[in-house]
């Protein structure tokens, strides 16, 4: 018997999901910048619907980013606080892995999840379906300008998912040896996919202490410098 709660607020999506002895339930909504107001009521409604209280949970799962700095901090902070108060183990799952898992559930074998990181950059990963039907990372997640992405070594067919594809799909497609099998530029991470990826860690005893849970920001700044802003405007004007 295992009861797990997953929370993700790393992007404009806000979601919470429960794993109850093999049954998966989720609450999901696009929250924009209102995660702080929406997350706790959403979690409370989910627990009430399932008829359980936090003390009955066996562990917690956090969406650790990358994504919005504020969003990542909110979700990770809530999970750490709950886990510490309940003395429960945790597992952190990245936003890119969640996106890849959703695509794999829908039939993809190889996935390039990509999130618009603003500042003319993207968060990018590469995943494949493993023997259990779970997303397995093929390379380290990265933050990179789209024009600097090198996908030439990726053979075979790939699905593109995430907001980065919505904005930079033409650039990314040109860097693949083959055109993407499919592109879903509206896809956002779901806590339910974080649960699916976290389950093997709990079952094998690889969950960690809440003290050891850390965000995956991928970059250490939130805005362009004045010089970088001026250069970006100049480049945009030159392109026009």
Protein backbone atom coordinates (compact mmCIF):
# COMPACT_ATOMS: atom_id res chain seq x y z
CA UNK A 1 0.00 0.00 0.00
CA UNK A 2 1.40 3.37 -1.01
CA UNK A 3 -0.07 6.87 -0.88
CA UNK A 4 1.84 9.66 -2.55
CA UNK A 5 1.16 13.33 -3.25
CA UNK A 6 2.85 15.18 -6.13
CA UNK A 7 2.89 18.94 -6.64
CA UNK A 8 4.12 20.96 -9.61
CA UNK A 9 4.10 24.74 -10.07
CA UNK A 10 7.27 25.22 -12.11
CA UNK A 11 5.52 26.65 -15.17
CA UNK A 12 2.24 28.50 -15.72
CA UNK A 13 0.51 25.22 -14.89
CA UNK A 14 -0.48 24.35 -11.34
CA UNK A 15 -1.19 20.72 -10.57
CA UNK A 16 -1.41 18.22 -7.75
CA UNK A 17 -1.85 14.47 -8.06
CA UNK A 18 -2.41 11.55 -5.72
CA UNK A 19 -1.33 7.94 -6.04
CA UNK A 20 -3.60 5.80 -3.88
CA UNK A 21 -2.73 2.12 -4.01
CA UNK A 22 -2.65 2.07 -7.81
CA UNK A 23 -5.31 4.72 -8.45
CA UNK A 24 -4.10 8.04 -9.87
CA UNK A 25 -6.15 11.25 -9.50
CA UNK A 26 -5.13 14.80 -10.41
CA UNK A 27 -6.22 18.41 -10.22
CA UNK A 28 -4.74 20.64 -12.94
CA UNK A 29 -5.24 24.22 -14.04
CA UNK A 30 -3.33 26.97 -15.79
CA UNK A 31 -2.60 29.43 -13.01
CA UNK A 32 -0.35 32.01 -14.66
CA UNK A 33 1.23 33.82 -11.71
CA UNK A 34 -1.39 32.88 -9.13
CA UNK A 35 0.19 29.65 -7.87
CA UNK A 36 0.43 30.96 -4.33
CA UNK A 37 -3.30 31.55 -4.14
CA UNK A 38 -4.38 28.42 -5.97
CA UNK A 39 -2.02 25.65 -4.89
CA UNK A 40 -3.07 24.96 -1.29
CA UNK A 41 -6.84 25.04 -2.01
CA UNK A 42 -6.20 22.72 -4.95
CA UNK A 43 -4.25 20.28 -2.78
CA UNK A 44 -6.86 20.44 -0.02
CA UNK A 45 -9.66 19.73 -2.49
CA UNK A 46 -7.73 16.77 -3.91
CA UNK A 47 -7.13 15.24 -0.48
CA UNK A 48 -10.75 15.81 0.53
CA UNK A 49 -11.97 14.15 -2.65
CA UNK A 50 -9.81 11.12 -1.86
CA UNK A 51 -10.91 11.10 1.77
CA UNK A 52 -7.43 11.23 3.28
CA UNK A 53 -5.41 13.67 5.40
CA UNK A 54 -1.72 14.59 4.93
CA UNK A 55 -0.67 12.35 7.81
CA UNK A 56 -1.76 9.31 5.78
CA UNK A 57 0.71 10.04 2.99
CA UNK A 58 3.76 7.81 2.60
CA UNK A 59 5.80 10.29 0.59
CA UNK A 60 5.76 13.40 -1.55
CA UNK A 61 6.89 14.27 -5.08
CA UNK A 62 8.05 17.72 -6.17
CA UNK A 63 8.24 19.22 -9.62
CA UNK A 64 11.70 20.81 -9.33
CA UNK A 65 11.86 22.76 -12.59
CA UNK A 66 13.28 24.14 -14.73
CA UNK A 67 10.72 26.85 -15.31
CA UNK A 68 9.71 30.04 -13.54
CA UNK A 69 12.06 30.80 -10.64
CA UNK A 70 9.12 31.86 -8.46
CA UNK A 71 7.01 28.89 -9.52
CA UNK A 72 9.78 26.40 -8.79
CA UNK A 73 10.37 27.93 -5.35
CA UNK A 74 6.66 27.75 -4.48
CA UNK A 75 6.23 24.08 -5.36
CA UNK A 76 9.51 22.88 -3.89
CA UNK A 77 8.92 24.94 -0.75
CA UNK A 78 5.46 23.46 -0.16
CA UNK A 79 6.70 19.91 -0.66
CA UNK A 80 9.71 20.42 1.62
CA UNK A 81 7.52 21.96 4.30
CA UNK A 82 4.98 19.14 4.20
CA UNK A 83 7.62 16.42 4.07
CA UNK A 84 9.55 17.86 6.99
CA UNK A 85 6.44 18.32 9.12
CA UNK A 86 5.26 14.78 8.37
CA UNK A 87 8.76 13.23 8.38
CA UNK A 88 8.20 11.69 4.95
CA UNK A 89 10.65 11.00 2.09
CA UNK A 90 10.54 12.92 -1.18
CA UNK A 91 11.45 12.54 -4.86
CA UNK A 92 12.11 15.41 -7.24
CA UNK A 93 11.13 15.16 -10.92
CA UNK A 94 12.07 17.71 -13.57
CA UNK A 95 9.61 19.61 -15.75
CA UNK A 96 11.26 18.23 -18.88
CA UNK A 97 10.90 14.63 -17.67
CA UNK A 98 7.19 15.23 -16.96
CA UNK A 99 6.65 16.58 -20.48
CA UNK A 100 8.49 13.61 -21.95
CA UNK A 101 6.47 11.14 -19.88
CA UNK A 102 3.20 12.59 -21.11
CA UNK A 103 4.32 12.21 -24.72
CA UNK A 104 5.44 8.64 -24.06
CA UNK A 105 2.07 7.82 -22.52
CA UNK A 106 0.56 9.04 -25.77
CA UNK A 107 2.70 6.71 -27.87
CA UNK A 108 6.00 8.49 -28.50
CA UNK A 109 9.27 6.54 -28.20
CA UNK A 110 11.71 9.48 -28.33
CA UNK A 111 10.87 12.94 -27.04
CA UNK A 112 12.48 16.36 -27.11
CA UNK A 113 10.76 18.38 -24.36
CA UNK A 114 11.44 22.09 -24.64
CA UNK A 115 10.25 24.96 -22.43
CA UNK A 116 10.47 28.62 -23.39
CA UNK A 117 12.95 29.97 -20.83
CA UNK A 118 12.48 33.61 -21.88
CA UNK A 119 15.57 35.78 -22.42
CA UNK A 120 15.87 34.20 -25.91
CA UNK A 121 16.71 30.80 -24.40
CA UNK A 122 15.07 27.40 -24.01
CA UNK A 123 15.21 24.57 -21.51
CA UNK A 124 15.82 21.40 -23.52
CA UNK A 125 16.06 17.68 -22.81
CA UNK A 126 16.12 14.40 -24.73
CA UNK A 127 14.30 11.28 -23.52
CA UNK A 128 13.39 7.81 -24.70
CA UNK A 129 10.88 5.19 -23.60
CA UNK A 130 12.44 2.56 -21.32
CA UNK A 131 11.34 -1.05 -20.81
CA UNK A 132 8.73 0.01 -18.25
CA UNK A 133 7.27 2.70 -20.49
CA UNK A 134 8.89 5.50 -18.52
CA UNK A 135 10.88 8.50 -19.75
CA UNK A 136 14.63 7.90 -19.56
CA UNK A 137 16.98 10.84 -20.01
CA UNK A 138 19.57 10.55 -22.78
CA UNK A 139 21.54 13.68 -21.98
CA UNK A 140 21.80 16.38 -19.36
CA UNK A 141 19.01 18.96 -19.45
CA UNK A 142 20.30 22.29 -20.69
CA UNK A 143 19.46 25.96 -21.04
CA UNK A 144 20.59 27.25 -24.41
CA UNK A 145 19.75 29.81 -27.12
CA UNK A 146 17.72 28.05 -29.84
CA UNK A 147 20.21 28.98 -32.54
CA UNK A 148 22.97 27.19 -30.62
CA UNK A 149 21.11 23.89 -30.25
CA UNK A 150 22.90 20.93 -31.83
CA UNK A 151 20.58 17.99 -32.54
CA UNK A 152 22.54 16.54 -35.43
CA UNK A 153 23.50 13.40 -33.49
CA UNK A 154 19.87 12.46 -32.76
CA UNK A 155 18.90 9.81 -35.27
CA UNK A 156 15.45 8.30 -35.64
CA UNK A 157 12.07 9.90 -35.10
CA UNK A 158 11.32 12.40 -32.34
CA UNK A 159 8.27 14.09 -30.88
CA UNK A 160 8.54 17.72 -29.80
CA UNK A 161 6.58 18.90 -26.75
CA UNK A 162 6.47 22.06 -24.68
CA UNK A 163 6.20 25.81 -25.05
CA UNK A 164 9.66 26.09 -26.54
CA UNK A 165 8.37 24.31 -29.64
CA UNK A 166 5.54 26.79 -29.93
CA UNK A 167 7.95 29.70 -30.13
CA UNK A 168 11.05 28.14 -31.72
CA UNK A 169 9.67 25.10 -33.53
CA UNK A 170 10.98 26.12 -36.95
CA UNK A 171 14.52 26.59 -35.64
CA UNK A 172 14.52 23.34 -33.66
CA UNK A 173 13.05 21.32 -36.54
CA UNK A 174 15.84 22.47 -38.85
CA UNK A 175 18.41 21.11 -36.40
CA UNK A 176 17.04 17.57 -36.39
CA UNK A 177 18.17 15.10 -39.05
CA UNK A 178 14.51 14.19 -39.60
CA UNK A 179 11.45 16.40 -39.23
CA UNK A 180 9.65 15.85 -35.89
CA UNK A 181 6.97 13.17 -35.94
CA UNK A 182 4.70 15.51 -34.01
CA UNK A 183 4.82 18.83 -32.19
CA UNK A 184 2.69 19.85 -29.21
CA UNK A 185 3.68 23.40 -28.40
CA UNK A 186 0.91 23.83 -25.83
CA UNK A 187 1.99 20.94 -23.56
CA UNK A 188 2.60 21.77 -19.89
CA UNK A 189 3.96 19.54 -17.10
CA UNK A 190 1.48 17.50 -15.06
CA UNK A 191 2.01 16.29 -11.49
CA UNK A 192 0.44 12.96 -12.49
CA UNK A 193 3.42 12.27 -14.76
CA UNK A 194 5.79 13.19 -11.94
CA UNK A 195 4.09 10.51 -9.83
CA UNK A 196 4.57 7.85 -12.49
CA UNK A 197 8.27 8.67 -12.73
CA UNK A 198 8.72 8.84 -8.96
CA UNK A 199 7.08 5.50 -8.13
CA UNK A 200 10.15 3.34 -8.93
CA UNK A 201 12.27 5.50 -6.60
CA UNK A 202 9.89 4.95 -3.68
CA UNK A 203 9.55 1.25 -4.40
CA UNK A 204 13.32 0.76 -4.51
CA UNK A 205 13.98 2.85 -1.42
CA UNK A 206 15.71 5.64 -3.35
CA UNK A 207 13.53 8.48 -2.10
CA UNK A 208 15.48 11.20 -0.27
CA UNK A 209 15.10 13.40 2.78
CA UNK A 210 13.31 16.69 2.28
CA UNK A 211 16.51 18.41 3.43
CA UNK A 212 18.23 17.12 0.29
CA UNK A 213 15.56 18.25 -2.18
CA UNK A 214 16.92 21.00 -4.46
CA UNK A 215 15.42 22.87 -7.43
CA UNK A 216 16.70 22.38 -10.98
CA UNK A 217 16.87 25.99 -12.11
CA UNK A 218 19.49 25.31 -14.86
CA UNK A 219 20.45 28.99 -14.85
CA UNK A 220 21.25 31.45 -12.08
CA UNK A 221 19.68 34.67 -13.28
CA UNK A 222 16.17 35.85 -14.05
CA UNK A 223 16.67 38.82 -16.37
CA UNK A 224 18.88 40.12 -19.15
CA UNK A 225 21.39 42.82 -18.35
CA UNK A 226 20.82 46.23 -19.92
CA UNK A 227 23.55 45.54 -22.49
CA UNK A 228 21.97 42.17 -23.35
CA UNK A 229 18.54 43.78 -23.72
CA UNK A 230 19.96 46.39 -26.09
CA UNK A 231 21.74 43.69 -28.11
CA UNK A 232 18.55 41.63 -28.30
CA UNK A 233 16.57 44.62 -29.54
CA UNK A 234 19.24 45.39 -32.12
CA UNK A 235 19.26 41.80 -33.36
CA UNK A 236 15.46 41.81 -33.61
CA UNK A 237 15.51 45.08 -35.55
CA UNK A 238 18.17 43.73 -37.91
CA UNK A 239 16.04 40.65 -38.52
CA UNK A 240 13.13 42.82 -39.56
